[in-house]
């Protein structure tokens, strides 16, 4: 399911409060990297090879995927993950979407 290839960035609340400009800069740099990768996916083959990120036997046919741009999950998506984590015993209780998710720092 390649459409599930999302990264999750989790940042402590105290870090958000005390270093909000740094967090915004980090997310902007992250977004710039995604835009660069998406614009020229074939340009990254050498880096993937040189850092052993893709095994050599499949590198010739490997296609760098398109990465999603910055966004936050919908409340429905958030609750789906919370419910799943609860069902697996990974998380107990509930988690308020509005206290856990913000797009305030996105580029």
N, C-alpha and C. Protein backbone atom coordinates (compact mmCIF):
# COMPACT_ATOMS: atom_id res chain seq x y z
N UNK A 1 0.84 -1.19 0.00
CA UNK A 1 0.00 0.00 0.00
C UNK A 1 0.88 1.25 0.00
N UNK A 2 1.39 1.66 -1.13
CA UNK A 2 2.28 2.82 -1.15
C UNK A 2 1.64 4.11 -0.68
N UNK A 3 0.31 4.19 -0.73
CA UNK A 3 -0.34 5.42 -0.29
C UNK A 3 -0.35 5.55 1.23
N UNK A 4 0.17 4.54 1.95
CA UNK A 4 0.29 4.62 3.40
C UNK A 4 1.70 5.02 3.82
N UNK A 5 2.53 5.45 2.91
CA UNK A 5 3.92 5.75 3.22
C UNK A 5 4.13 7.12 3.84
N UNK A 6 3.55 7.35 4.97
CA UNK A 6 3.68 8.64 5.62
C UNK A 6 4.69 8.57 6.74
N UNK A 7 5.35 9.68 6.98
CA UNK A 7 6.24 9.80 8.13
C UNK A 7 5.48 10.54 9.22
N UNK A 8 5.79 10.20 10.44
CA UNK A 8 5.17 10.86 11.58
C UNK A 8 6.26 11.55 12.37
N UNK A 9 6.08 12.82 12.60
CA UNK A 9 7.01 13.58 13.42
C UNK A 9 6.31 13.92 14.72
N UNK A 10 6.92 13.53 15.80
CA UNK A 10 6.35 13.78 17.12
C UNK A 10 7.31 14.68 17.89
N UNK A 11 6.80 15.79 18.40
CA UNK A 11 7.63 16.76 19.09
C UNK A 11 7.01 17.06 20.45
N UNK A 12 7.85 17.02 21.47
CA UNK A 12 7.34 17.28 22.83
C UNK A 12 6.76 18.68 22.94
N UNK A 13 5.75 18.81 23.77
CA UNK A 13 5.06 20.08 23.94
C UNK A 13 6.01 21.17 24.42
N UNK A 14 6.89 20.85 25.39
CA UNK A 14 7.80 21.86 25.91
C UNK A 14 8.78 22.34 24.83
N UNK A 15 9.14 21.46 23.91
CA UNK A 15 10.00 21.86 22.79
C UNK A 15 9.24 22.80 21.86
N UNK A 16 7.99 22.50 21.60
CA UNK A 16 7.17 23.39 20.77
C UNK A 16 7.06 24.78 21.39
N UNK A 17 6.89 24.81 22.70
CA UNK A 17 6.76 26.10 23.38
C UNK A 17 8.07 26.89 23.38
N UNK A 18 9.18 26.20 23.64
CA UNK A 18 10.45 26.88 23.83
C UNK A 18 11.28 27.06 22.56
N UNK A 19 10.98 26.30 21.53
CA UNK A 19 11.80 26.36 20.32
C UNK A 19 10.93 26.37 19.06
N UNK A 20 9.85 27.09 19.10
CA UNK A 20 8.89 27.07 17.99
C UNK A 20 9.51 27.53 16.67
N UNK A 21 10.41 28.52 16.70
CA UNK A 21 11.05 28.97 15.46
C UNK A 21 11.95 27.87 14.88
N UNK A 22 12.65 27.15 15.76
CA UNK A 22 13.50 26.05 15.30
C UNK A 22 12.66 24.93 14.68
N UNK A 23 11.52 24.65 15.29
CA UNK A 23 10.63 23.60 14.77
C UNK A 23 10.10 24.01 13.40
N UNK A 24 9.70 25.26 13.26
CA UNK A 24 9.21 25.74 11.96
C UNK A 24 10.31 25.65 10.91
N UNK A 25 11.55 25.98 11.27
CA UNK A 25 12.68 25.90 10.33
C UNK A 25 12.96 24.45 9.96
N UNK A 26 12.90 23.55 10.93
CA UNK A 26 13.10 22.12 10.66
C UNK A 26 12.05 21.62 9.67
N UNK A 27 10.80 21.96 9.91
CA UNK A 27 9.73 21.49 9.03
C UNK A 27 9.83 22.10 7.64
N UNK A 28 10.30 23.33 7.54
CA UNK A 28 10.51 23.95 6.23
C UNK A 28 11.63 23.23 5.48
N UNK A 29 12.72 22.91 6.16
CA UNK A 29 13.82 22.18 5.53
C UNK A 29 13.36 20.79 5.09
N UNK A 30 12.57 20.15 5.92
CA UNK A 30 12.02 18.82 5.60
C UNK A 30 11.13 18.90 4.36
N UNK A 31 10.31 19.93 4.30
CA UNK A 31 9.43 20.13 3.14
C UNK A 31 10.25 20.40 1.88
N UNK A 32 11.30 21.20 2.00
CA UNK A 32 12.17 21.47 0.85
C UNK A 32 12.81 20.18 0.34
N UNK A 33 13.24 19.32 1.25
CA UNK A 33 13.84 18.05 0.85
C UNK A 33 12.83 17.18 0.10
N UNK A 34 11.61 17.13 0.59
CA UNK A 34 10.56 16.34 -0.07
C UNK A 34 10.29 16.90 -1.47
N UNK A 35 10.22 18.22 -1.58
CA UNK A 35 9.99 18.83 -2.89
C UNK A 35 11.13 18.49 -3.86
N UNK A 36 12.38 18.52 -3.36
CA UNK A 36 13.52 18.17 -4.22
C UNK A 36 13.47 16.72 -4.67
N UNK A 37 13.16 15.82 -3.75
CA UNK A 37 13.07 14.39 -4.08
C UNK A 37 11.96 14.16 -5.09
N UNK A 38 10.80 14.75 -4.84
CA UNK A 38 9.66 14.56 -5.74
C UNK A 38 9.92 15.14 -7.14
N UNK A 39 10.67 16.24 -7.20
CA UNK A 39 10.92 16.90 -8.49
C UNK A 39 11.85 16.08 -9.38
N UNK A 40 12.84 15.43 -8.77
CA UNK A 40 13.83 14.66 -9.54
C UNK A 40 14.15 13.35 -8.82
N UNK A 41 13.23 12.43 -8.79
CA UNK A 41 13.45 11.19 -8.02
C UNK A 41 14.66 10.39 -8.49
N UNK A 42 14.98 10.42 -9.78
CA UNK A 42 16.12 9.65 -10.28
C UNK A 42 17.46 10.22 -9.84
N UNK A 43 17.48 11.46 -9.42
CA UNK A 43 18.73 12.10 -9.00
C UNK A 43 19.27 11.55 -7.69
N UNK A 44 18.50 10.75 -6.99
CA UNK A 44 18.88 10.29 -5.66
C UNK A 44 19.44 8.87 -5.66
N UNK A 45 19.53 8.24 -6.81
CA UNK A 45 19.99 6.85 -6.89
C UNK A 45 21.39 6.69 -6.31
N UNK A 46 22.28 7.60 -6.62
CA UNK A 46 23.66 7.50 -6.13
C UNK A 46 23.72 7.59 -4.60
N UNK A 47 22.92 8.47 -4.04
CA UNK A 47 22.88 8.60 -2.58
C UNK A 47 22.32 7.33 -1.96
N UNK A 48 21.27 6.79 -2.55
CA UNK A 48 20.68 5.54 -2.05
C UNK A 48 21.70 4.42 -2.10
N UNK A 49 22.45 4.35 -3.18
CA UNK A 49 23.46 3.31 -3.35
C UNK A 49 24.63 3.53 -2.40
N UNK A 50 25.16 4.73 -2.37
CA UNK A 50 26.33 5.04 -1.55
C UNK A 50 26.11 4.85 -0.07
N UNK A 51 24.89 4.99 0.38
CA UNK A 51 24.57 4.83 1.80
C UNK A 51 23.90 3.50 2.10
N UNK A 52 23.92 2.60 1.11
CA UNK A 52 23.33 1.26 1.28
C UNK A 52 21.89 1.31 1.75
N UNK A 53 21.13 2.25 1.23
CA UNK A 53 19.72 2.38 1.61
C UNK A 53 18.81 1.50 0.78
N UNK A 54 19.28 1.10 -0.39
CA UNK A 54 18.55 0.18 -1.26
C UNK A 54 19.55 -0.90 -1.69
N UNK A 55 19.22 -2.17 -1.52
CA UNK A 55 20.16 -3.24 -1.89
C UNK A 55 20.57 -3.14 -3.37
N UNK A 56 21.85 -3.33 -3.63
CA UNK A 56 22.40 -3.21 -4.98
C UNK A 56 21.64 -4.02 -6.04
N UNK A 57 21.23 -5.27 -5.74
CA UNK A 57 20.55 -6.05 -6.78
C UNK A 57 19.23 -5.44 -7.28
N UNK A 58 18.59 -4.62 -6.47
CA UNK A 58 17.31 -4.05 -6.92
C UNK A 58 17.42 -2.56 -7.28
N UNK A 59 18.60 -1.99 -7.06
CA UNK A 59 18.76 -0.55 -7.27
C UNK A 59 18.47 -0.13 -8.71
N UNK A 60 18.86 -0.95 -9.68
CA UNK A 60 18.67 -0.59 -11.09
C UNK A 60 17.20 -0.38 -11.44
N UNK A 61 16.32 -1.14 -10.81
CA UNK A 61 14.89 -1.04 -11.11
C UNK A 61 14.09 -0.29 -10.04
N UNK A 62 14.78 0.17 -9.01
CA UNK A 62 14.10 0.84 -7.90
C UNK A 62 13.60 2.21 -8.33
N UNK A 63 12.37 2.51 -7.98
CA UNK A 63 11.79 3.82 -8.26
C UNK A 63 11.57 4.55 -6.94
N UNK A 64 12.19 5.69 -6.83
CA UNK A 64 12.00 6.51 -5.63
C UNK A 64 10.54 6.95 -5.60
N UNK A 65 9.84 6.70 -4.50
CA UNK A 65 8.42 7.06 -4.45
C UNK A 65 8.22 8.57 -4.32
N UNK A 66 7.03 9.01 -4.64
CA UNK A 66 6.63 10.38 -4.38
C UNK A 66 6.25 10.47 -2.90
N UNK A 67 6.75 11.47 -2.23
CA UNK A 67 6.46 11.65 -0.82
C UNK A 67 5.39 12.72 -0.65
N UNK A 68 4.50 12.53 0.32
CA UNK A 68 3.45 13.53 0.54
C UNK A 68 4.03 14.80 1.16
N UNK A 69 3.46 15.92 0.79
CA UNK A 69 3.87 17.19 1.37
C UNK A 69 3.29 17.32 2.77
N UNK A 70 3.76 18.30 3.49
CA UNK A 70 3.38 18.49 4.89
C UNK A 70 1.88 18.59 5.07
N UNK A 71 1.39 17.86 6.03
CA UNK A 71 -0.03 17.91 6.37
C UNK A 71 -0.20 17.26 7.74
N UNK A 72 -1.36 17.38 8.27
CA UNK A 72 -1.69 16.68 9.51
C UNK A 72 -2.85 15.73 9.23
N UNK A 73 -2.98 14.70 10.05
CA UNK A 73 -4.09 13.78 9.82
C UNK A 73 -5.43 14.44 10.16
N UNK A 74 -6.47 13.95 9.51
CA UNK A 74 -7.81 14.40 9.88
C UNK A 74 -8.15 13.81 11.24
N UNK A 75 -9.18 14.32 11.85
CA UNK A 75 -9.60 13.76 13.15
C UNK A 75 -10.00 12.30 12.99
N UNK A 76 -10.64 11.97 11.89
CA UNK A 76 -11.04 10.58 11.64
C UNK A 76 -9.81 9.68 11.52
N UNK A 77 -8.80 10.11 10.80
CA UNK A 77 -7.57 9.33 10.69
C UNK A 77 -6.90 9.17 12.04
N UNK A 78 -6.86 10.25 12.81
CA UNK A 78 -6.25 10.23 14.14
C UNK A 78 -6.95 9.21 15.03
N UNK A 79 -8.28 9.25 15.06
CA UNK A 79 -9.03 8.33 15.91
C UNK A 79 -8.87 6.89 15.45
N UNK A 80 -8.75 6.67 14.15
CA UNK A 80 -8.52 5.33 13.63
C UNK A 80 -7.22 4.76 14.18
N UNK A 81 -6.17 5.56 14.22
CA UNK A 81 -4.88 5.11 14.76
C UNK A 81 -4.97 4.91 16.26
N UNK A 82 -5.62 5.82 16.98
CA UNK A 82 -5.78 5.67 18.42
C UNK A 82 -6.55 4.39 18.74
N UNK A 83 -7.63 4.14 18.01
CA UNK A 83 -8.41 2.92 18.22
C UNK A 83 -7.58 1.68 17.93
N UNK A 84 -6.80 1.71 16.84
CA UNK A 84 -5.94 0.58 16.49
C UNK A 84 -4.90 0.34 17.59
N UNK A 85 -4.26 1.42 18.05
CA UNK A 85 -3.24 1.30 19.10
C UNK A 85 -3.85 0.74 20.38
N UNK A 86 -5.05 1.19 20.72
CA UNK A 86 -5.75 0.64 21.89
C UNK A 86 -6.02 -0.85 21.71
N UNK A 87 -6.46 -1.25 20.53
CA UNK A 87 -6.80 -2.66 20.29
C UNK A 87 -5.57 -3.56 20.36
N UNK A 88 -4.39 -3.02 20.10
CA UNK A 88 -3.14 -3.78 20.15
C UNK A 88 -2.46 -3.69 21.51
N UNK A 89 -3.06 -2.95 22.43
CA UNK A 89 -2.46 -2.77 23.75
C UNK A 89 -1.26 -1.84 23.74
N UNK A 90 -1.12 -1.04 22.70
CA UNK A 90 0.01 -0.12 22.59
C UNK A 90 -0.26 1.22 23.26
N UNK A 91 -1.52 1.46 23.51
CA UNK A 91 -1.94 2.75 24.03
C UNK A 91 -3.21 2.50 24.82
N UNK A 92 -3.33 3.14 25.96
CA UNK A 92 -4.55 2.98 26.75
C UNK A 92 -5.20 4.34 26.95
N UNK A 93 -6.49 4.35 26.85
CA UNK A 93 -7.23 5.58 27.07
C UNK A 93 -7.56 6.29 25.77
N UNK A 94 -7.78 7.58 25.90
CA UNK A 94 -8.13 8.37 24.72
C UNK A 94 -7.10 9.48 24.56
N UNK A 95 -7.12 10.09 23.42
CA UNK A 95 -6.21 11.19 23.14
C UNK A 95 -6.99 12.24 22.38
N UNK A 96 -7.02 13.44 22.92
CA UNK A 96 -7.78 14.52 22.31
C UNK A 96 -7.06 15.03 21.07
N UNK A 97 -7.73 14.96 19.94
CA UNK A 97 -7.16 15.38 18.66
C UNK A 97 -6.66 16.82 18.72
N UNK A 98 -7.48 17.72 19.24
CA UNK A 98 -7.14 19.15 19.24
C UNK A 98 -5.97 19.48 20.16
N UNK A 99 -5.69 18.63 21.14
CA UNK A 99 -4.54 18.85 22.01
C UNK A 99 -3.30 18.12 21.50
N UNK A 100 -3.48 17.21 20.54
CA UNK A 100 -2.36 16.39 20.06
C UNK A 100 -1.87 16.77 18.67
N UNK A 101 -2.71 17.39 17.87
CA UNK A 101 -2.39 17.64 16.46
C UNK A 101 -2.54 19.13 16.16
N UNK A 102 -1.54 19.68 15.47
CA UNK A 102 -1.62 21.08 15.04
C UNK A 102 -0.90 21.25 13.71
N UNK A 103 -1.39 22.16 12.91
CA UNK A 103 -0.70 22.50 11.67
C UNK A 103 -0.01 23.86 11.78
N UNK A 104 0.05 24.37 12.98
CA UNK A 104 0.59 25.70 13.25
C UNK A 104 2.02 25.88 12.76
N UNK A 105 2.82 24.82 12.76
CA UNK A 105 4.24 24.94 12.43
C UNK A 105 4.56 24.50 11.01
N UNK A 106 3.56 24.08 10.26
CA UNK A 106 3.80 23.61 8.90
C UNK A 106 4.17 24.77 7.98
N UNK A 107 5.03 24.48 7.00
CA UNK A 107 5.42 25.56 6.07
C UNK A 107 4.25 25.98 5.18
